[in-house]
Protein backbone atom coordinates (compact mmCIF):
# COMPACT_ATOMS: atom_id res chain seq x y z
CA UNK A 1 80.90 51.71 96.66
CA UNK A 2 81.35 47.70 97.18
CA UNK A 3 78.77 46.64 95.04
CA UNK A 4 76.51 48.79 92.64
CA UNK A 5 73.66 47.45 90.12
CA UNK A 6 71.68 49.54 87.45
CA UNK A 7 68.37 48.68 85.88
CA UNK A 8 69.24 44.82 86.22
CA UNK A 9 66.18 42.26 85.09
CA UNK A 10 66.32 38.43 85.30
CA UNK A 11 63.93 36.24 83.65
CA UNK A 12 63.37 32.38 83.73
CA UNK A 13 62.20 31.44 80.28
CA UNK A 14 59.40 34.06 79.57
CA UNK A 15 59.09 34.78 83.40
CA UNK A 16 60.10 37.92 84.47
CA UNK A 17 61.72 37.42 88.21
CA UNK A 18 62.57 41.10 88.68
CA UNK A 19 63.63 44.47 86.33
CA UNK A 20 64.80 47.62 86.77
CA UNK A 21 66.57 46.75 90.21
CA UNK A 22 68.94 49.68 90.84
CA UNK A 23 71.37 49.66 94.45
CA UNK A 24 74.48 50.67 95.83
CA UNK A 25 76.18 48.72 98.98
CA UNK A 26 78.92 50.76 100.88
CA UNK A 27 81.02 49.47 103.53
CA UNK A 28 79.44 48.90 106.70
CA UNK A 29 75.76 48.89 105.33
CA UNK A 30 73.35 46.34 106.83
CA UNK A 31 71.05 45.58 104.21
CA UNK A 32 67.49 43.74 105.12
CA UNK A 33 66.44 41.93 101.97
CA UNK A 34 62.52 41.45 102.71
CA UNK A 35 59.78 40.31 100.35
CA UNK A 36 56.96 37.47 99.82
CA UNK A 37 58.45 33.95 99.25
CA UNK A 38 58.99 33.33 95.37
CA UNK A 39 59.77 37.19 95.20
CA UNK A 40 63.27 36.49 93.90
CA UNK A 41 65.54 36.95 96.82
CA UNK A 42 67.62 34.05 96.61
CA UNK A 43 67.95 34.80 92.71
CA UNK A 44 69.03 38.23 93.41
CA UNK A 45 71.93 36.77 95.78
CA UNK A 46 73.14 34.36 92.69
CA UNK A 47 73.08 37.48 90.53
CA UNK A 48 75.34 39.33 92.96
CA UNK A 49 77.65 35.92 93.10
CA UNK A 50 77.74 35.45 89.44
CA UNK A 51 76.10 32.24 89.90
CA UNK A 52 73.15 33.45 87.40
CA UNK A 53 73.46 36.01 84.72
CA UNK A 54 71.18 38.87 84.69
CA UNK A 55 69.44 39.38 80.93
CA UNK A 56 69.38 43.44 81.28
CA UNK A 57 71.14 45.94 83.13
CA UNK A 58 74.71 46.45 84.77
CA UNK A 59 76.31 45.19 87.92
CA UNK A 60 79.61 46.15 89.15
CA UNK A 61 81.70 44.93 92.19
CA UNK A 62 85.03 46.23 93.73
CA UNK A 63 87.91 44.38 92.55
CA UNK A 64 89.26 41.63 94.66
CA UNK A 65 85.89 41.67 96.77
CA UNK A 66 85.36 38.33 98.82
CA UNK A 67 81.78 37.13 99.19
CA UNK A 68 80.59 34.72 102.19
CA UNK A 69 77.41 33.35 101.08
CA UNK A 70 74.93 31.45 103.52
CA UNK A 71 72.64 29.52 101.20
CA UNK A 72 68.79 28.66 102.37
CA UNK A 73 69.11 25.07 101.40
CA UNK A 74 72.32 23.14 102.37
CA UNK A 75 73.29 19.60 101.85
CA UNK A 76 76.18 18.47 103.95
CA UNK A 77 77.55 14.87 104.05
CA UNK A 78 81.02 14.17 105.57
CA UNK A 79 82.89 11.55 107.50
CA UNK A 80 84.84 14.81 108.82
CA UNK A 81 83.69 15.99 112.70
CA UNK A 82 82.05 19.06 113.00
CA UNK A 83 85.07 20.72 114.36
CA UNK A 84 87.08 19.43 111.55
CA UNK A 85 84.34 20.45 109.06
CA UNK A 86 84.58 24.04 110.35
CA UNK A 87 88.45 24.15 110.36
CA UNK A 88 88.27 23.58 106.60
CA UNK A 89 88.12 27.23 106.34
CA UNK A 90 91.58 27.76 107.49
CA UNK A 91 93.02 25.13 104.93
CA UNK A 92 95.99 27.37 104.26
CA UNK A 93 96.93 27.82 107.82
CA UNK A 94 96.53 24.17 108.48
CA UNK A 95 98.82 23.57 105.37
CA UNK A 96 101.50 26.02 107.08
CA UNK A 97 100.96 23.81 110.21
CA UNK A 98 102.10 20.82 108.34
CA UNK A 99 105.10 22.57 107.25
CA UNK A 100 106.23 23.71 110.65
CA UNK A 101 105.99 20.15 111.73
CA UNK A 102 108.06 18.87 108.86
CA UNK A 103 110.68 21.62 109.55
CA UNK A 104 110.98 20.79 113.16
CA UNK A 105 111.22 17.07 112.16
CA UNK A 106 114.14 17.85 109.91
CA UNK A 107 115.89 19.53 112.56
CA UNK A 108 116.18 16.26 114.30
CA UNK A 109 117.00 14.21 111.27
CA UNK A 110 120.57 12.34 111.71
CA UNK A 111 121.79 13.65 108.39
CA UNK A 112 121.01 16.95 109.65
CA UNK A 113 122.27 17.07 112.95
CA UNK A 114 125.70 15.98 111.93
CA UNK A 115 126.04 18.56 109.32
CA UNK A 116 126.23 22.10 110.57
CA UNK A 117 125.52 23.92 107.01
CA UNK A 118 122.13 21.53 106.48
CA UNK A 119 121.36 22.41 109.90
CA UNK A 120 121.91 26.11 109.63
CA UNK A 121 119.50 25.92 106.65
CA UNK A 122 116.85 23.80 108.71
CA UNK A 123 116.95 26.30 111.33
CA UNK A 124 116.18 28.90 109.09
CA UNK A 125 113.36 27.31 107.37
CA UNK A 126 111.92 26.21 110.54
CA UNK A 127 112.20 30.01 111.71
CA UNK A 128 110.58 31.11 108.14
CA UNK A 129 107.60 28.99 108.26
CA UNK A 130 106.92 29.37 112.21
CA UNK A 131 106.78 33.21 111.31
CA UNK A 132 104.20 32.84 108.55
CA UNK A 133 102.28 30.60 110.50
CA UNK A 134 101.92 32.95 113.14
CA UNK A 135 101.30 35.92 111.08
CA UNK A 136 98.28 34.03 109.57
CA UNK A 137 96.76 33.40 112.83
CA UNK A 138 98.18 29.82 113.72
CA UNK A 139 98.15 30.25 117.30
CA UNK A 140 94.44 31.30 117.58
CA UNK A 141 92.51 29.74 114.49
CA UNK A 142 91.28 26.51 116.53
CA UNK A 143 89.96 28.70 119.24
CA UNK A 144 88.52 31.01 117.10
CA UNK A 145 86.38 28.14 115.41
CA UNK A 146 85.44 26.82 118.66
CA UNK A 147 84.36 30.11 119.92
CA UNK A 148 82.12 30.53 116.98
CA UNK A 149 80.84 27.01 117.39
CA UNK A 150 79.98 27.31 120.83
CA UNK A 151 78.32 30.50 120.40
CA UNK A 152 76.16 28.78 117.89
CA UNK A 153 75.08 26.25 119.78
CA UNK A 154 77.43 23.41 119.47
CA UNK A 155 79.38 21.86 122.63
CA UNK A 156 82.29 19.68 123.34
CA UNK A 157 80.38 16.32 122.58
CA UNK A 158 79.05 17.51 119.19
CA UNK A 159 82.37 18.98 118.00
CA UNK A 160 83.47 15.32 117.60
CA UNK A 161 80.50 14.26 116.15
CA UNK A 162 80.63 13.14 112.21
CA UNK A 163 78.94 15.87 110.02
CA UNK A 164 76.69 13.42 108.34
CA UNK A 165 75.07 12.08 112.11
CA UNK A 166 74.22 16.03 113.00
CA UNK A 167 70.46 17.15 112.80
CA UNK A 168 69.18 19.20 110.11
CA UNK A 169 69.51 22.32 112.45
CA UNK A 170 72.87 21.46 113.50
CA UNK A 171 74.25 21.22 109.89
CA UNK A 172 72.51 24.85 109.06
CA UNK A 173 74.29 26.16 112.11
CA UNK A 174 77.60 24.41 110.95
CA UNK A 175 77.42 26.14 107.36
CA UNK A 176 76.94 29.44 109.20
CA UNK A 177 79.93 28.83 111.29
CA UNK A 178 81.84 28.06 107.93
CA UNK A 179 80.70 31.35 106.34
CA UNK A 180 81.54 33.71 109.54
CA UNK A 181 84.84 32.00 109.67
CA UNK A 182 86.18 33.12 106.32
CA UNK A 183 87.71 36.32 105.48
CA UNK A 184 84.94 38.37 103.69
CA UNK A 185 84.28 41.70 102.69
CA UNK A 186 80.64 40.94 101.97
CA UNK A 187 78.15 38.58 103.72
CA UNK A 188 74.95 37.58 101.60
CA UNK A 189 72.86 35.51 104.50
CA UNK A 190 69.82 33.75 103.43
CA UNK A 191 67.56 33.29 106.46
CA UNK A 192 70.73 32.81 109.19
CA UNK A 193 68.37 33.06 112.22
CA UNK A 194 66.65 29.65 111.03
CA UNK A 195 67.81 27.06 113.51
CA UNK A 196 69.06 29.65 116.03
CA UNK A 197 68.07 29.42 119.56
CA UNK A 198 67.55 33.39 121.54
CA UNK A 199 71.04 33.56 122.52
CA UNK A 200 72.62 32.45 119.21
CA UNK A 201 70.40 34.88 117.44
CA UNK A 202 71.35 37.77 119.95
CA UNK A 203 75.13 36.83 119.33
CA UNK A 204 75.07 36.82 115.80
CA UNK A 205 73.35 40.31 116.20
CA UNK A 206 76.43 41.72 118.05
CA UNK A 207 78.69 39.87 115.41
CA UNK A 208 76.96 41.62 112.45
CA UNK A 209 77.34 45.20 114.48
CA UNK A 210 80.93 44.86 114.65
CA UNK A 211 81.39 43.25 111.02
CA UNK A 212 84.12 45.38 109.16
CA UNK A 213 82.27 44.69 105.90
CA UNK A 214 78.92 44.71 104.38
CA UNK A 215 76.20 42.44 105.14
CA UNK A 216 72.73 41.77 102.90
CA UNK A 217 70.25 39.53 104.86
CA UNK A 218 67.32 37.84 103.82
CA UNK A 219 64.99 37.03 106.35
CA UNK A 220 61.43 37.12 107.73
CA UNK A 221 62.72 37.59 111.42
CA UNK A 222 61.34 41.72 111.77
CA UNK A 223 63.08 41.57 115.31
CA UNK A 224 66.51 40.32 113.85
CA UNK A 225 65.92 42.77 111.00
CA UNK A 226 65.26 45.63 113.42
CA UNK A 227 68.50 44.85 115.74
CA UNK A 228 70.55 44.62 112.41
CA UNK A 229 69.91 46.72 109.53
CA UNK A 230 70.61 50.29 108.32
CA UNK A 231 68.63 50.12 105.23
CA UNK A 232 66.05 47.66 104.03
CA UNK A 233 65.65 46.39 100.32
CA UNK A 234 61.80 45.64 99.27
CA UNK A 235 61.44 43.13 96.58
CA UNK A 236 58.00 42.63 95.62
CA UNK A 237 56.23 42.28 92.18
CA UNK A 238 59.38 42.25 90.14
CA UNK A 239 60.46 45.67 91.85
CA UNK A 240 63.05 46.82 94.45
CA UNK A 241 62.58 49.65 96.58
CA UNK A 242 65.26 51.07 99.00
CA UNK A 243 64.22 52.41 102.41
CA UNK A 244 66.58 54.14 105.02
CA UNK A 245 66.43 52.61 108.65
CA UNK A 246 65.73 49.34 110.18
CA UNK A 247 62.76 47.28 109.72
CA UNK A 248 60.47 49.27 111.62
CA UNK A 249 61.54 52.16 110.00
CA UNK A 250 60.60 50.53 106.61
CA UNK A 251 57.32 49.64 107.78
CA UNK A 252 56.63 53.19 108.70
CA UNK A 253 57.97 54.47 105.13
CA UNK A 254 55.75 52.06 103.60
CA UNK A 255 52.75 52.69 105.46
CA UNK A 256 53.27 56.53 104.60
CA UNK A 257 53.80 55.75 100.99
CA UNK A 258 50.32 53.75 100.65
CA UNK A 259 48.69 56.58 102.30
CA UNK A 260 49.95 59.02 100.13
CA UNK A 261 49.12 56.90 97.20
CA UNK A 262 45.54 56.07 98.19
CA UNK A 263 45.05 59.97 98.91
CA UNK A 264 46.18 60.80 95.52
CA UNK A 265 44.07 58.21 94.05
CA UNK A 266 41.00 59.38 96.16
CA UNK A 267 41.50 63.12 94.84
CA UNK A 268 42.02 61.93 91.40
CA UNK A 269 38.85 59.78 91.20
CA UNK A 270 36.95 63.17 92.56
CA UNK A 271 38.28 65.21 90.03
CA UNK A 272 37.76 62.57 87.37
CA UNK A 273 33.92 61.64 88.36
CA UNK A 274 33.23 66.11 88.16
CA UNK A 275 34.80 65.72 84.67
CA UNK A 276 32.80 62.85 83.44
CA UNK A 277 29.61 64.58 84.52
CA UNK A 278 30.68 67.55 82.72
CA UNK A 279 31.45 65.69 79.94
CA UNK A 280 28.10 63.98 80.18
CA UNK A 281 26.26 67.19 80.43
CA UNK A 282 28.00 68.50 77.18
CA UNK A 283 27.14 65.73 75.19
CA UNK A 284 23.41 65.89 76.12
CA UNK A 285 23.29 69.35 74.50
CA UNK A 286 22.39 69.46 70.72
CA UNK A 287 24.75 71.96 69.91
CA UNK A 288 27.94 71.16 67.73
CA UNK A 289 30.44 73.29 69.86
CA UNK A 290 28.98 71.50 73.07
CA UNK A 291 29.95 68.06 71.63
CA UNK A 292 33.08 69.31 70.51
CA UNK A 293 34.21 70.63 73.79
CA UNK A 294 33.09 67.24 75.32
CA UNK A 295 34.97 64.97 72.92
CA UNK A 296 38.17 67.28 73.56
CA UNK A 297 37.83 67.07 77.32
CA UNK A 298 37.42 63.38 76.88
CA UNK A 299 40.48 62.99 75.08
CA UNK A 300 42.30 65.07 77.61
CA UNK A 301 41.48 62.57 80.18
CA UNK A 302 42.46 59.77 78.25
CA UNK A 303 46.07 60.94 77.97
CA UNK A 304 46.37 61.55 81.48
CA UNK A 305 48.88 59.44 83.67
CA UNK A 306 46.13 58.36 86.39
CA UNK A 307 47.17 57.08 89.70
CA UNK A 308 46.22 53.28 90.09
CA UNK A 309 44.34 52.26 93.29
CA UNK A 310 46.79 50.67 95.65
CA UNK A 311 46.64 46.91 96.30
CA UNK A 312 46.09 46.15 100.10
CA UNK A 313 48.58 43.87 101.62
CA UNK A 314 47.63 40.52 102.13
CA UNK A 315 47.12 39.45 105.85
CA UNK A 316 47.24 35.83 106.89
CA UNK A 317 43.86 34.81 108.41
CA UNK A 318 43.71 31.44 110.32
CA UNK A 319 40.92 29.41 111.36
CA UNK A 320 40.98 27.03 113.78
CA UNK A 321 38.03 24.64 113.99
CA UNK A 322 35.99 24.32 117.24
CA UNK A 323 37.67 20.72 119.03
CA UNK A 324 34.54 20.56 121.08
CA UNK A 325 34.65 21.18 125.05
CA UNK A 326 37.40 19.50 126.65
CA UNK A 327 38.33 19.41 130.17
CA UNK A 328 39.75 22.41 131.96
CA UNK A 329 43.03 20.53 132.72
CA UNK A 330 45.01 20.16 129.83
CA UNK A 331 48.24 18.83 130.86
CA UNK A 332 50.06 18.18 134.19
CA UNK A 333 53.68 17.34 134.86
CA UNK A 334 55.36 16.89 138.36
CA UNK A 335 58.86 16.16 139.05
CA UNK A 336 59.41 14.86 135.72
CA UNK A 337 63.09 13.59 134.68
CA UNK A 338 64.87 12.41 131.68
CA UNK A 339 67.87 11.24 130.57
CA UNK A 340 69.55 9.32 127.83
CA UNK A 341 72.16 6.91 129.37
CA UNK A 342 74.40 9.17 131.28
CA UNK A 343 73.11 12.41 129.54
CA UNK A 344 70.78 13.98 131.64
CA UNK A 345 68.15 16.28 129.45
CA UNK A 346 66.27 17.39 132.51
CA UNK A 347 65.36 16.85 136.17
CA UNK A 348 62.16 17.86 138.33
CA UNK A 349 60.06 19.32 135.54
CA UNK A 350 56.91 20.82 136.75
CA UNK A 351 54.14 22.55 134.91
CA UNK A 352 50.07 22.85 135.15
CA UNK A 353 48.63 23.85 131.72
CA UNK A 354 44.85 24.57 131.82
CA UNK A 355 42.70 25.50 128.86
CA UNK A 356 43.04 29.10 127.50
CA UNK A 357 47.08 29.03 128.03
CA UNK A 358 49.25 30.60 125.72
CA UNK A 359 52.96 29.37 126.86
CA UNK A 360 56.09 30.33 125.04
CA UNK A 361 58.67 26.91 125.69
CA UNK A 362 62.28 28.36 125.26
CA UNK A 363 65.80 27.53 126.06
CA UNK A 364 69.19 26.80 124.00
CA UNK A 365 69.34 24.13 121.41
CA UNK A 366 69.45 20.76 122.85
CA UNK A 367 68.24 21.66 126.35
CA UNK A 368 65.15 19.14 125.97
CA UNK A 369 62.43 21.33 124.51
CA UNK A 370 61.18 18.62 121.65
CA UNK A 371 61.91 15.69 124.28
CA UNK A 372 59.42 17.44 126.80
CA UNK A 373 56.54 17.82 124.37
CA UNK A 374 57.00 14.33 123.62
CA UNK A 375 56.69 13.16 126.78
CA UNK A 376 53.35 15.54 127.14
CA UNK A 377 51.88 14.05 124.07
CA UNK A 378 52.80 10.36 125.33
CA UNK A 379 55.24 9.71 122.69
CA UNK A 380 58.06 9.04 124.92
CA UNK A 381 58.37 7.83 128.36
CA UNK A 382 59.55 9.80 131.41
CA UNK A 383 62.29 8.39 133.44
CA UNK A 384 60.34 9.55 136.85
CA UNK A 385 57.90 11.79 137.89
CA UNK A 386 53.96 12.27 137.19
CA UNK A 387 52.70 12.88 133.60
CA UNK A 388 48.62 13.40 133.13
CA UNK A 389 46.67 14.58 130.10
CA UNK A 390 43.21 15.98 130.56
CA UNK A 391 40.16 14.40 129.41
CA UNK A 392 38.61 15.11 126.13
CA UNK A 393 41.56 16.95 124.74
CA UNK A 394 42.54 17.11 121.16
CA UNK A 395 45.93 17.69 120.15
CA UNK A 396 47.42 18.89 116.91
CA UNK A 397 51.27 19.32 116.80
CA UNK A 398 53.82 20.52 113.95
CA UNK A 399 57.08 18.90 113.95
CA UNK A 400 60.57 20.84 114.03
C-alpha cells in the first residue's frame, strides 16, 4: 500500500474533528472523499501531508512517496506570466537548459576555439549536459505544459498574461495545471472541478483514469465522482467509512445500510415493547416472585446494546417567494453582437425566454456566458442587435 492509517484522531482544542479513521490506499486507487462542509475533509488532507499532526493513531506512507496537493483556497500573486508560472514545476529542467546554453556558448569562446585540449573538454561538457537535458524531458516540457494549460481552458493570449491580472477562476485552474505537471505518486485534489467547463472536466476525468498513481478527490460533483472513483470515503460525524465502487454505488450501499439499520431498530423496538408490557404485568402482581422476575428482566434489558434510530439525512428545502404576475415574455434577444476592441465575444446571439423556461447556458470558459447575462440584465450594452426585457419582471442574480 502507498498509504495506511489506523485509528487516527484529530482535535482542534477540545473539538473532535474525526476519530478512528482507518484506511488503505493502493496504487491506481481513485478515492472520492465526500461529506458535509466542515466534516474535516481538508483537515484529513493536511494530516496525510504532514501539515497537521494527528493526536491519536498511526499513519504510514511508502518511502519516498511524492504528493501533489490542490488546495481549495489558493492565493497566487506573481509578476510571472501564466506560462512562466506553470514552467516553475520544471525548474530542474530549466536549470539544465541554462547549462546547455552556457556549454554551447563556451564552444565559441575565443580562448577555447584556439586551444584543442580546452575545445575537447568543452565539447564533452556540451554532449553531457545535452544528454541529461534530453533524458529529463527537455525537448517536450514546454509542449507538455502548453497542452495541459490549453486543456484546462487557457489560450495563447492568456498564457502571456501576468498571474496577478488573472481572474479567480483562471488562478484556480493554473494551480491545478501546476499539480498535474508535477511528478507525483499520489494526488490529493480538493474540489478540482471548481471553475472548470464541461470539456475541461471531461479531460480531467480521462487524465485521472490514465494516471499511474493513486488519487484522493474531495468533491461535491457527483457526476465527476461517478466517472472517476473506484472507492468512496464518507467522512461525517467524526467517522470515516469506506465503500467500494463509484458515487452511485456508494449511495446504493448507504441506502441499503440505512434500511437495514431502520429494520433492526423497528424489530428491537417491537421486542422491547412486548418485554416492557410483560414487566408491567409482573410488577402489578403482589407476589414476591413476580416482582423479582420483573426486576431481573428489566436489568437484562438495561444491559442490552440497543440499536439507535437512524438519523434521516437532511434535505435542502428551497422556498422561492412569489414575485407576482409578470408578463409571459421574460427576455428577447435578436442578432446581438458583442466585442471588446478586436476581441469578438459573440455575434448574432438570438434567444426568446418565456415564463416557465429552464435554460442551461453552457460553453467553454471565456466564451461570453457572463457577458451575455449582463447584456440581458441591462448591465452592459450590446454593440448591435435587439435586447428587450419583459414588463413586470423581477430578477434575482447570483454572481460567479
